[in-house]
């Protein structure tokens, strides 16, 4: 007997049931050689002796499914234990869903999707969790939706969408709500998702790395140990050990230990590279700042932007530091709405714009700033060389308020004594002015000659300078002879006056004055002798 339409009667038996794309439901049991229908619901026992071709099969709790081919095998679903057993091995009837190659069986409580590979029939995923376990199924576990736990041991996904744990040990993903697309790759005891809104996070290796707090998104922890994303870390990267990221957008902590970035609001694009216990962001509006190594460097106050601390310890951006740099400092600070300033060394306090400051480690009073000023403290002095032999230059000696120039006779050659009287005449004929430089306040008065007058009398002679190609800066050769070309230029800039030369000229003038005074003294002595002789002759 065959059935083409209508519901099968209770406890019916047929040779063939063919409903095509129509659903079939029976309140009792069905026994048939072949069944072909779209959906099949049986409240009792389904026994198919031939071909079973059904998109969906529902066997309510307490029912069973048995199939057997001609001299082949039987498959029985035990609803109590949720297992599908092959009673007789051998080829024969395939129990498959026509669309996926899998068999879906519902118990009325939950359902399972099974797959048959050869003679082995096993669960593909749990339909209620859509999770996939690969490798160690004994200690790993998976829940949530579209998640994968592959390899490793004791890895767990309890709540996640479209996520994965791949390898490692003791890693876990889960959380209260909105845990989406998160991945842990390797490592030990890494944990994701103790709070809401953990989205697109990745932990790669390491141990005891964690995420907590709400709204961590698109951020990564790479290796290290005990690093943490603790809320509102968006598009961030963390490596190293015990580093913490919170309330930061597009930032990174790369290496180091105990470093942290976070703050109340508007913390964006900040980076810490290495170092120990550096802290960024205790106040608002920390943007585009960088710490590179160092220990215990901090930011405080609002509106620190595009500023950098490089190395050192205990340095701070204290608010309003914009486009500033602290390098190799110790207890140095930038703040007070300063901008475009640079500080190198310890105990510098910069609160002004356009400062360039260097400080030594001698202790004592710290170095303070003045707007647009180059300030240096070097208790042991400073030297500037002006040639490659380090034989010319100037030195600021310790506790001295003027420059000392290199003047060792062993460094000099071609020594010629000046004509002091000629020098005096040149100076006597040279104009000396009071003036101010163009563009400056007339109150800033200066005194002295002009370079053109000075160099006309005391300028250095011209010497040969190589002729250079304006583009390549290579020395040009004569196209006919191949010889290097030179041109005559003054040895010293004709528009400047060398202060040391002026001192030498003035000393020469002093010597001439001395000679003139000595000559006048001799003349006076001779005249006095003549006067005395005349007085004696006339009896006076």
Protein backbone atom coordinates (compact mmCIF):
# COMPACT_ATOMS: atom_id res chain seq x y z
CA UNK A 1 0.00 0.00 0.00
CA UNK A 2 1.20 3.52 -0.83
CA UNK A 3 0.24 6.94 0.51
CA UNK A 4 0.39 10.08 -1.72
CA UNK A 5 -1.40 12.69 0.38
CA UNK A 6 -3.18 13.16 3.64
CA UNK A 7 -1.82 12.43 7.09
CA UNK A 8 -0.82 8.83 7.74
CA UNK A 9 -3.19 7.15 10.17
CA UNK A 10 -1.97 6.34 13.64
CA UNK A 11 0.39 3.34 13.74
CA UNK A 12 0.15 2.99 9.94
CA UNK A 13 2.31 0.76 7.70
CA UNK A 14 2.94 1.50 4.02
CA UNK A 15 5.15 0.28 1.21
CA UNK A 16 5.86 3.85 0.11
CA UNK A 17 5.05 7.32 1.44
CA UNK A 18 5.67 10.07 -1.14
CA UNK A 19 4.58 13.61 -0.32
CA UNK A 20 7.21 15.39 -2.44
CA UNK A 21 7.52 18.95 -1.06
CA UNK A 22 4.64 18.52 1.35
CA UNK A 23 5.11 18.10 5.10
CA UNK A 24 4.09 14.87 6.79
CA UNK A 25 2.92 14.46 10.37
CA UNK A 26 1.79 11.40 12.26
CA UNK A 27 0.54 11.23 15.83
CA UNK A 28 1.62 7.63 16.23
CA UNK A 29 4.23 5.39 14.62
CA UNK A 30 5.12 4.93 10.95
CA UNK A 31 6.55 1.87 9.30
CA UNK A 32 7.39 2.04 5.61
CA UNK A 33 9.80 0.65 3.03
CA UNK A 34 10.48 4.10 1.56
CA UNK A 35 9.59 7.63 2.69
CA UNK A 36 10.05 10.79 0.63
CA UNK A 37 8.70 14.08 1.97
CA UNK A 38 9.83 17.61 2.92
CA UNK A 39 9.40 17.51 6.71
CA UNK A 40 8.47 14.49 8.78
CA UNK A 41 7.11 14.59 12.32
CA UNK A 42 6.46 11.34 14.14
CA UNK A 43 5.19 11.14 17.69
CA UNK A 44 6.12 7.50 18.12
CA UNK A 45 8.51 5.18 16.29
CA UNK A 46 9.72 5.67 12.70
CA UNK A 47 10.84 2.45 11.01
CA UNK A 48 12.08 2.69 7.41
CA UNK A 49 13.17 -0.49 5.68
CA UNK A 50 14.41 1.16 2.46
CA UNK A 51 15.13 4.73 1.46
CA UNK A 52 14.60 7.73 3.74
CA UNK A 53 14.67 11.10 1.96
CA UNK A 54 13.49 13.89 4.24
CA UNK A 55 14.70 17.50 4.67
CA UNK A 56 13.80 17.51 8.34
CA UNK A 57 12.93 14.75 10.80
CA UNK A 58 11.35 15.35 14.19
CA UNK A 59 11.11 12.51 16.68
CA UNK A 60 9.65 13.67 19.96
CA UNK A 61 11.24 12.89 23.31
CA UNK A 62 10.81 9.22 24.14
CA UNK A 63 10.53 8.15 20.49
CA UNK A 64 13.05 6.34 18.36
CA UNK A 65 14.29 6.14 14.78
CA UNK A 66 15.19 2.83 13.16
CA UNK A 67 16.19 2.21 9.54
CA UNK A 68 17.42 -0.88 7.82
CA UNK A 69 18.34 -1.68 4.26
CA UNK A 70 18.02 -5.01 2.59
CA UNK A 71 20.67 -7.06 4.36
CA UNK A 72 22.52 -3.91 5.34
CA UNK A 73 22.35 -1.96 8.59
CA UNK A 74 20.06 -0.20 11.06
CA UNK A 75 20.43 3.28 12.61
CA UNK A 76 18.66 3.87 15.92
CA UNK A 77 18.39 7.28 17.65
CA UNK A 78 18.18 7.06 21.43
CA UNK A 79 16.31 10.20 22.52
CA UNK A 80 17.21 9.73 26.20
CA UNK A 81 20.97 9.66 25.67
CA UNK A 82 20.93 11.75 22.47
CA UNK A 83 23.04 9.23 20.55
CA UNK A 84 22.68 7.80 17.08
CA UNK A 85 23.74 4.15 16.99
CA UNK A 86 24.55 1.96 13.97
CA UNK A 87 23.30 -1.49 14.93
CA UNK A 88 24.60 -3.45 11.95
CA UNK A 89 27.75 -2.44 10.06
CA UNK A 90 27.81 -2.52 6.29
CA UNK A 91 26.87 -0.52 3.25
CA UNK A 92 23.30 0.29 2.40
CA UNK A 93 20.77 2.96 3.22
CA UNK A 94 22.16 6.50 3.68
CA UNK A 95 20.49 8.62 6.34
CA UNK A 96 21.14 12.16 5.12
CA UNK A 97 19.52 15.57 4.88
CA UNK A 98 19.16 16.24 1.16
CA UNK A 99 20.51 19.76 1.48
CA UNK A 100 23.56 19.39 3.73
CA UNK A 101 24.46 15.73 3.94
CA UNK A 102 23.56 15.77 7.64
CA UNK A 103 20.67 14.33 9.65
CA UNK A 104 18.77 16.58 12.07
CA UNK A 105 16.89 14.86 14.89
CA UNK A 106 14.84 16.73 17.48
CA UNK A 107 13.98 15.33 20.89
CA UNK A 108 11.51 18.07 21.78
CA UNK A 109 14.03 19.54 24.25
CA UNK A 110 17.04 20.28 22.06
CA UNK A 111 18.33 19.00 18.75
CA UNK A 112 21.53 17.69 17.25
CA UNK A 113 23.00 17.66 13.76
CA UNK A 114 24.87 14.44 12.94
CA UNK A 115 27.20 13.43 10.16
CA UNK A 116 28.10 9.99 8.80
CA UNK A 117 31.64 9.47 7.54
CA UNK A 118 32.15 5.86 6.44
CA UNK A 119 30.78 3.70 9.22
CA UNK A 120 31.16 6.45 11.85
CA UNK A 121 28.15 8.59 12.79
CA UNK A 122 28.99 11.52 15.06
CA UNK A 123 27.56 14.89 16.14
CA UNK A 124 28.67 17.71 13.83
CA UNK A 125 27.63 20.56 16.14
CA UNK A 126 25.04 21.12 18.82
CA UNK A 127 22.21 22.96 17.11
CA UNK A 128 21.49 25.01 20.20
CA UNK A 129 25.08 26.33 20.37
CA UNK A 130 26.36 26.02 16.80
CA UNK A 131 29.80 25.32 18.31
CA UNK A 132 32.58 23.25 16.81
CA UNK A 133 35.14 21.29 18.83
CA UNK A 134 38.25 20.10 17.02
CA UNK A 135 41.00 18.07 18.60
CA UNK A 136 40.76 17.66 22.36
CA UNK A 137 37.03 17.27 23.06
CA UNK A 138 37.64 15.89 26.53
CA UNK A 139 38.70 19.13 28.29
CA UNK A 140 37.75 21.84 25.79
CA UNK A 141 34.19 23.14 25.64
CA UNK A 142 32.25 25.44 23.35
CA UNK A 143 28.95 27.31 23.58
CA UNK A 144 27.56 30.48 22.05
CA UNK A 145 26.95 30.83 18.31
CA UNK A 146 29.27 29.92 15.41
CA UNK A 147 32.27 29.44 17.68
CA UNK A 148 35.28 27.14 17.32
CA UNK A 149 37.57 25.64 19.93
CA UNK A 150 40.41 23.86 18.16
CA UNK A 151 43.27 22.06 19.86
CA UNK A 152 44.92 22.77 23.16
CA UNK A 153 43.38 21.80 26.45
CA UNK A 154 40.94 23.19 29.00
CA UNK A 155 39.92 25.99 26.63
CA UNK A 156 36.37 27.27 27.01
CA UNK A 157 33.94 29.49 25.13
CA UNK A 158 30.84 30.15 27.22
CA UNK A 159 29.32 33.10 25.39
CA UNK A 160 30.51 34.50 22.07
CA UNK A 161 29.39 34.98 18.49
CA UNK A 162 31.65 34.02 15.57
CA UNK A 163 34.71 33.56 17.79
CA UNK A 164 37.48 31.02 18.30
CA UNK A 165 40.11 29.65 20.66
CA UNK A 166 42.91 27.96 18.77
CA UNK A 167 45.40 25.98 20.83
CA UNK A 168 46.88 26.91 24.16
CA UNK A 169 45.68 25.92 27.60
CA UNK A 170 43.15 27.29 30.05
CA UNK A 171 42.04 30.09 27.75
CA UNK A 172 38.46 31.31 27.92
CA UNK A 173 36.01 33.63 26.16
CA UNK A 174 32.69 34.67 27.67
CA UNK A 175 30.82 37.51 29.26
CA UNK A 176 27.47 39.00 30.16
CA UNK A 177 26.41 40.46 26.80
CA UNK A 178 27.51 41.48 23.31
CA UNK A 179 30.62 39.28 23.09
CA UNK A 180 31.26 39.18 19.34
CA UNK A 181 34.01 37.93 17.00
CA UNK A 182 36.74 37.46 19.61
CA UNK A 183 39.74 35.16 19.18
CA UNK A 184 42.44 33.68 21.42
CA UNK A 185 45.39 32.01 19.67
CA UNK A 186 47.61 29.94 21.92
CA UNK A 187 48.96 30.97 25.27
CA UNK A 188 47.99 29.97 28.78
CA UNK A 189 45.10 31.15 30.99
CA UNK A 190 44.20 34.14 28.82
CA UNK A 191 40.69 35.43 29.51
CA UNK A 192 38.27 37.51 27.46
CA UNK A 193 34.97 39.07 28.33
CA UNK A 194 34.25 39.60 32.02
CA UNK A 195 32.08 42.60 31.03
CA UNK A 196 29.82 43.67 28.17
CA UNK A 197 30.60 44.84 24.64
CA UNK A 198 33.77 42.91 23.82
CA UNK A 199 33.97 43.02 20.04
CA UNK A 200 36.66 41.97 17.54
CA UNK A 201 39.38 41.40 20.16
CA UNK A 202 42.40 39.12 19.70
CA UNK A 203 44.85 37.67 22.22
CA UNK A 204 47.86 35.99 20.62
CA UNK A 205 49.93 33.86 22.96
CA UNK A 206 51.20 34.94 26.33
CA UNK A 207 49.80 34.08 29.72
CA UNK A 208 47.20 35.57 32.07
CA UNK A 209 46.29 38.32 29.62
CA UNK A 210 42.76 39.62 30.16
CA UNK A 211 39.99 41.88 28.95
CA UNK A 212 37.54 43.50 31.33
CA UNK A 213 35.30 46.54 31.45
CA UNK A 214 32.86 47.50 28.74
CA UNK A 215 33.36 48.55 25.13
CA UNK A 216 36.73 47.00 24.25
CA UNK A 217 36.73 46.87 20.47
CA UNK A 218 39.10 45.89 17.66
CA UNK A 219 42.11 45.61 19.99
CA UNK A 220 44.91 43.06 20.31
CA UNK A 221 47.14 41.68 23.08
CA UNK A 222 50.25 40.02 21.66
CA UNK A 223 52.23 37.73 23.96
CA UNK A 224 53.63 38.82 27.27
CA UNK A 225 51.95 38.23 30.61
CA UNK A 226 49.19 39.81 32.69
CA UNK A 227 48.43 42.52 30.14
CA UNK A 228 44.88 43.88 30.18
CA UNK A 229 42.31 45.74 28.15
CA UNK A 230 40.15 47.20 30.91
CA UNK A 231 37.39 49.04 29.08
CA UNK A 232 36.91 51.38 26.10
CA UNK A 233 40.14 50.24 24.46
CA UNK A 234 39.37 50.69 20.76
CA UNK A 235 41.77 49.84 17.91
CA UNK A 236 44.62 49.28 20.39
CA UNK A 237 47.64 46.98 20.66
CA UNK A 238 49.26 45.77 23.89
CA UNK A 239 52.40 43.66 24.35
CA UNK A 240 54.87 43.22 27.23
CA UNK A 241 54.05 42.40 30.85
CA UNK A 242 51.40 43.79 33.22
CA UNK A 243 50.59 46.61 30.82
CA UNK A 244 47.07 48.06 30.91
CA UNK A 245 45.01 49.84 28.26
CA UNK A 246 41.73 51.65 28.97
CA UNK A 247 39.74 54.51 27.48
CA UNK A 248 42.09 54.92 24.53
CA UNK A 249 41.41 55.07 20.81
CA UNK A 250 43.98 53.90 18.23
CA UNK A 251 46.75 53.52 20.83
CA UNK A 252 49.43 50.99 21.72
CA UNK A 253 51.66 49.74 24.53
CA UNK A 254 54.58 47.89 23.00
CA UNK A 255 56.74 45.98 25.46
CA UNK A 256 57.88 47.06 28.87
CA UNK A 257 56.22 46.32 32.18
CA UNK A 258 53.56 47.97 34.31
CA UNK A 259 52.82 50.66 31.74
CA UNK A 260 49.28 51.99 31.41
CA UNK A 261 47.17 54.23 29.19
CA UNK A 262 43.73 55.44 30.20
CA UNK A 263 41.78 58.45 31.34
CA UNK A 264 38.38 60.02 31.77
CA UNK A 265 37.74 61.25 28.21
CA UNK A 266 39.22 62.03 24.80
CA UNK A 267 42.28 59.78 25.12
CA UNK A 268 43.37 59.12 21.53
CA UNK A 269 46.32 57.78 19.52
CA UNK A 270 48.76 57.51 22.44
CA UNK A 271 51.69 55.09 22.51
CA UNK A 272 54.08 53.72 25.14
CA UNK A 273 57.12 51.84 23.83
CA UNK A 274 58.95 49.85 26.48
CA UNK A 275 59.97 51.11 29.88
CA UNK A 276 58.57 50.43 33.33
CA UNK A 277 55.56 51.89 35.16
CA UNK A 278 54.96 54.72 32.72
CA UNK A 279 51.43 56.13 32.94
CA UNK A 280 49.39 58.13 30.46
CA UNK A 281 46.02 59.76 30.80
CA UNK A 282 44.95 60.63 34.34
CA UNK A 283 43.08 63.63 32.90
CA UNK A 284 41.16 64.53 29.76
CA UNK A 285 42.34 65.38 26.23
CA UNK A 286 45.52 63.34 25.90
CA UNK A 287 46.11 63.08 22.16
CA UNK A 288 49.01 61.80 19.99
CA UNK A 289 51.54 61.54 22.84
CA UNK A 290 54.40 59.02 22.99
CA UNK A 291 56.57 57.62 25.79
CA UNK A 292 59.70 55.78 24.63
CA UNK A 293 61.22 53.63 27.41
CA UNK A 294 61.98 55.28 30.75
CA UNK A 295 60.54 54.65 34.20
CA UNK A 296 57.70 56.33 36.05
CA UNK A 297 57.03 58.97 33.43
CA UNK A 298 53.50 60.38 33.61
CA UNK A 299 50.92 62.73 32.18
CA UNK A 300 48.53 64.85 34.22
CA UNK A 301 46.36 67.87 33.59
CA UNK A 302 44.31 68.40 30.45
CA UNK A 303 45.23 69.13 26.84
CA UNK A 304 48.58 67.37 26.43
CA UNK A 305 48.95 66.89 22.67
CA UNK A 306 51.58 65.65 20.22
CA UNK A 307 54.28 65.54 22.90
CA UNK A 308 56.99 62.98 23.62
CA UNK A 309 58.99 61.75 26.63
CA UNK A 310 62.09 59.75 25.69
CA UNK A 311 63.75 57.77 28.48
CA UNK A 312 64.61 59.11 31.89
CA UNK A 313 62.47 58.75 34.99
CA UNK A 314 59.82 60.70 36.81
CA UNK A 315 59.26 63.13 33.95
CA UNK A 316 55.80 64.53 33.35
CA UNK A 317 53.55 66.31 30.89
CA UNK A 318 51.57 68.38 33.38
CA UNK A 319 48.87 69.84 31.15
CA UNK A 320 48.84 72.03 28.08
CA UNK A 321 52.08 70.59 26.68
CA UNK A 322 51.69 70.79 22.91
CA UNK A 323 54.38 69.69 20.41
CA UNK A 324 56.94 69.33 23.21
CA UNK A 325 59.76 66.86 23.96
CA UNK A 326 61.44 65.73 27.19
CA UNK A 327 64.55 63.61 26.63
CA UNK A 328 66.67 61.69 29.17
CA UNK A 329 65.28 63.70 32.03
CA UNK A 330 64.74 62.99 35.70
CA UNK A 331 61.92 64.91 37.32
CA UNK A 332 61.63 67.29 34.36
CA UNK A 333 58.23 68.71 33.46
CA UNK A 334 56.46 70.33 30.52
CA UNK A 335 53.17 72.13 31.03
CA UNK A 336 51.46 75.41 31.74
CA UNK A 337 50.30 75.70 28.13
CA UNK A 338 53.81 75.55 26.69
CA UNK A 339 54.28 74.58 23.05
CA UNK A 340 57.11 73.71 20.68
CA UNK A 341 59.65 73.36 23.49
CA UNK A 342 62.47 70.86 24.05
CA UNK A 343 64.05 69.80 27.33
CA UNK A 344 66.99 67.42 27.77
CA UNK A 345 68.31 66.43 31.17
CA UNK A 346 67.07 66.41 34.75
CA UNK A 347 65.26 69.00 36.86
CA UNK A 348 63.98 71.16 34.01
CA UNK A 349 60.67 72.95 34.45
CA UNK A 350 59.37 74.34 31.15
CA UNK A 351 56.18 76.40 31.10
CA UNK A 352 56.94 78.66 28.13
CA UNK A 353 56.77 78.47 24.35
CA UNK A 354 59.67 77.94 21.98
CA UNK A 355 62.25 76.90 24.59
CA UNK A 356 65.35 74.81 23.94
CA UNK A 357 66.80 73.64 27.25
CA UNK A 358 69.70 71.40 28.34
CA UNK A 359 70.61 70.53 31.92
CA UNK A 360 73.41 68.47 33.46
CA UNK A 361 73.20 66.10 36.43
CA UNK A 362 75.18 68.26 38.87
CA UNK A 363 72.15 68.89 41.07
CA UNK A 364 71.47 72.23 42.68
CA UNK A 365 68.76 74.55 41.43
CA UNK A 366 66.60 73.28 38.58
CA UNK A 367 66.56 75.00 35.22
CA UNK A 368 63.49 77.14 34.48
CA UNK A 369 62.28 78.45 31.15
CA UNK A 370 62.03 81.80 29.41
CA UNK A 371 59.93 82.15 26.26
CA UNK A 372 61.83 81.54 23.00
CA UNK A 373 65.18 81.13 24.76
CA UNK A 374 68.01 78.63 24.43
CA UNK A 375 69.05 77.75 27.98
CA UNK A 376 71.88 75.43 29.01
CA UNK A 377 73.27 74.51 32.41
CA UNK A 378 76.65 72.77 32.39
CA UNK A 379 78.44 73.13 35.71
CA UNK A 380 81.69 71.71 34.29
CA UNK A 381 81.66 74.09 31.33
CA UNK A 382 81.01 73.75 27.61
CA UNK A 383 83.20 73.66 24.52
CA UNK A 384 82.40 74.26 20.85
CA UNK A 385 84.95 73.24 18.21
CA UNK A 386 85.01 74.88 14.79
CA UNK A 387 87.29 72.55 12.80
CA UNK A 388 87.80 68.84 12.33
CA UNK A 389 91.03 68.82 14.37
CA UNK A 390 89.27 70.15 17.48
CA UNK A 391 91.98 72.83 17.63
CA UNK A 392 89.80 75.91 17.17
CA UNK A 393 86.72 76.91 19.06
CA UNK A 394 85.51 78.42 22.30
CA UNK A 395 84.98 77.17 25.83
CA UNK A 396 82.76 78.34 28.66
CA UNK A 397 84.83 77.48 31.71
CA UNK A 398 83.24 76.44 35.04
CA UNK A 399 81.95 79.37 37.11
CA UNK A 400 83.05 81.84 34.39
CA UNK A 401 80.70 84.26 32.60
CA UNK A 402 82.57 84.68 29.29
CA UNK A 403 83.94 82.54 26.50
CA UNK A 404 87.55 81.40 26.37
CA UNK A 405 89.09 80.86 22.92
CA UNK A 406 91.73 78.33 22.02
CA UNK A 407 95.02 80.27 22.03
CA UNK A 408 97.81 77.80 22.73
CA UNK A 409 100.96 78.86 20.84
CA UNK A 410 101.45 75.22 19.96
CA UNK A 411 98.25 75.43 17.92
CA UNK A 412 99.42 78.46 15.93
CA UNK A 413 101.77 79.15 13.03
CA UNK A 414 102.86 82.10 10.83
CA UNK A 415 102.95 84.43 13.82
CA UNK A 416 103.71 88.05 12.74
CA UNK A 417 103.81 91.07 15.10
CA UNK A 418 101.36 93.81 14.09
CA UNK A 419 102.43 97.32 13.26
CA UNK A 420 100.81 98.85 16.31
CA UNK A 421 100.96 102.43 15.10
CA UNK A 422 99.44 101.51 11.74
CA UNK A 423 96.75 99.57 13.58
CA UNK A 424 96.07 102.61 15.79
CA UNK A 425 95.69 104.85 12.75
CA UNK A 426 93.21 102.46 11.14
CA UNK A 427 91.13 102.29 14.32
CA UNK A 428 91.35 106.07 14.75
CA UNK A 429 89.90 106.55 11.26
CA UNK A 430 87.17 103.93 11.72
CA UNK A 431 83.66 105.10 12.62
CA UNK A 432 82.10 103.68 15.77
CA UNK A 433 78.32 103.75 15.91
CA UNK A 434 75.42 103.37 18.30
CA UNK A 435 72.68 101.41 16.51
CA UNK A 436 69.89 98.83 16.68
CA UNK A 437 69.27 95.98 14.27
CA UNK A 438 66.50 96.36 11.70
CA UNK A 439 63.22 94.98 12.99
CA UNK A 440 64.16 95.31 16.66
CA UNK A 441 63.07 97.87 19.22
CA UNK A 442 65.41 100.93 19.16
CA UNK A 443 65.76 100.48 22.92
CA UNK A 444 68.00 97.46 22.19
CA UNK A 445 71.11 99.57 21.56
CA UNK A 446 74.43 98.22 20.31
CA UNK A 447 77.84 99.86 19.87
CA UNK A 448 80.66 99.28 17.42
CA UNK A 449 81.86 99.53 13.83
CA UNK A 450 80.19 97.93 10.81
CA UNK A 451 81.62 94.80 9.19
CA UNK A 452 82.36 96.52 5.88
CA UNK A 453 84.63 99.12 7.55
CA UNK A 454 86.24 96.58 9.84
CA UNK A 455 87.02 94.03 7.16
CA UNK A 456 88.31 96.70 4.80
CA UNK A 457 91.20 97.17 7.26
CA UNK A 458 91.34 93.89 9.17
CA UNK A 459 89.55 91.34 7.02
CA UNK A 460 91.25 88.07 6.13
CA UNK A 461 92.69 87.68 2.64
CA UNK A 462 90.89 85.63 0.02
CA UNK A 463 91.76 81.97 -0.33
CA UNK A 464 91.00 79.25 -2.84
CA UNK A 465 87.67 77.46 -2.38
CA UNK A 466 86.67 74.50 -4.58
CA UNK A 467 84.02 75.22 -7.22
CA UNK A 468 81.03 72.93 -6.56
CA UNK A 469 78.26 71.75 -8.81
CA UNK A 470 75.08 73.44 -7.46
CA UNK A 471 73.04 70.22 -7.73
CA UNK A 472 75.43 67.37 -6.92
CA UNK A 473 77.80 69.41 -4.68
CA UNK A 474 80.72 67.62 -6.35
CA UNK A 475 83.82 69.64 -7.19
CA UNK A 476 83.90 70.74 -10.82
CA UNK A 477 86.90 70.03 -13.04
CA UNK A 478 88.25 72.00 -16.02
CA UNK A 479 86.72 70.43 -19.17
CA UNK A 480 89.99 70.91 -21.09
CA UNK A 481 92.65 69.93 -18.56
CA UNK A 482 90.66 67.89 -16.07
CA UNK A 483 92.15 69.95 -13.22
CA UNK A 484 90.02 70.79 -10.20
CA UNK A 485 88.58 74.31 -10.32
CA UNK A 486 88.92 76.81 -7.48
CA UNK A 487 87.61 80.32 -6.84
CA UNK A 488 88.83 83.10 -4.54
CA UNK A 489 86.68 83.87 -1.52
CA UNK A 490 87.37 85.70 1.76
CA UNK A 491 88.59 83.34 4.45
CA UNK A 492 86.16 84.98 6.89
CA UNK A 493 82.64 86.18 6.27
CA UNK A 494 82.98 89.81 5.10
CA UNK A 495 79.66 90.70 6.73
CA UNK A 496 80.73 89.64 10.22
CA UNK A 497 83.28 90.76 12.80
CA UNK A 498 85.27 88.16 14.72
CA UNK A 499 85.25 89.27 18.35
CA UNK A 500 88.64 87.72 19.09
CA UNK A 501 90.18 89.70 16.21
CA UNK A 502 88.72 92.89 17.63
CA UNK A 503 90.33 92.13 21.00
CA UNK A 504 93.69 91.63 19.27
CA UNK A 505 93.35 94.89 17.34
CA UNK A 506 92.44 96.82 20.47
CA UNK A 507 95.42 95.29 22.29
CA UNK A 508 97.63 96.47 19.42
CA UNK A 509 96.15 99.96 19.81
CA UNK A 510 96.88 99.84 23.54
CA UNK A 511 100.48 98.91 22.76
CA UNK A 512 100.76 101.84 20.37
CA UNK A 513 99.30 104.15 23.01
CA UNK A 514 101.79 102.75 25.48
CA UNK A 515 104.66 103.41 23.07
CA UNK A 516 103.41 106.93 22.48
CA UNK A 517 103.09 107.56 26.21
CA UNK A 518 106.60 106.26 26.79
CA UNK A 519 107.88 108.47 23.97
CA UNK A 520 106.08 111.50 25.42
CA UNK A 521 107.43 110.69 28.84
CA UNK A 522 110.96 110.61 27.40
CA UNK A 523 110.36 113.86 25.57
CA UNK A 524 108.99 115.39 28.75
CA UNK A 525 112.02 114.18 30.67
CA UNK A 526 114.35 115.70 28.05
CA UNK A 527 112.47 118.99 28.14
CA UNK A 528 112.60 119.05 31.89
CA UNK A 529 116.38 118.52 31.78
CA UNK A 530 116.72 121.42 29.34
CA UNK A 531 114.57 123.63 31.55
CA UNK A 532 116.65 122.73 34.56
CA UNK A 533 119.86 123.54 32.64
CA UNK A 534 118.54 126.94 31.54
CA UNK A 535 117.42 127.74 35.08
CA UNK A 536 120.89 126.90 36.39
CA UNK A 537 122.55 128.96 33.66
CA UNK A 538 120.55 132.06 34.43
CA UNK A 539 120.78 131.57 38.12
CA UNK A 540 117.23 130.79 38.76
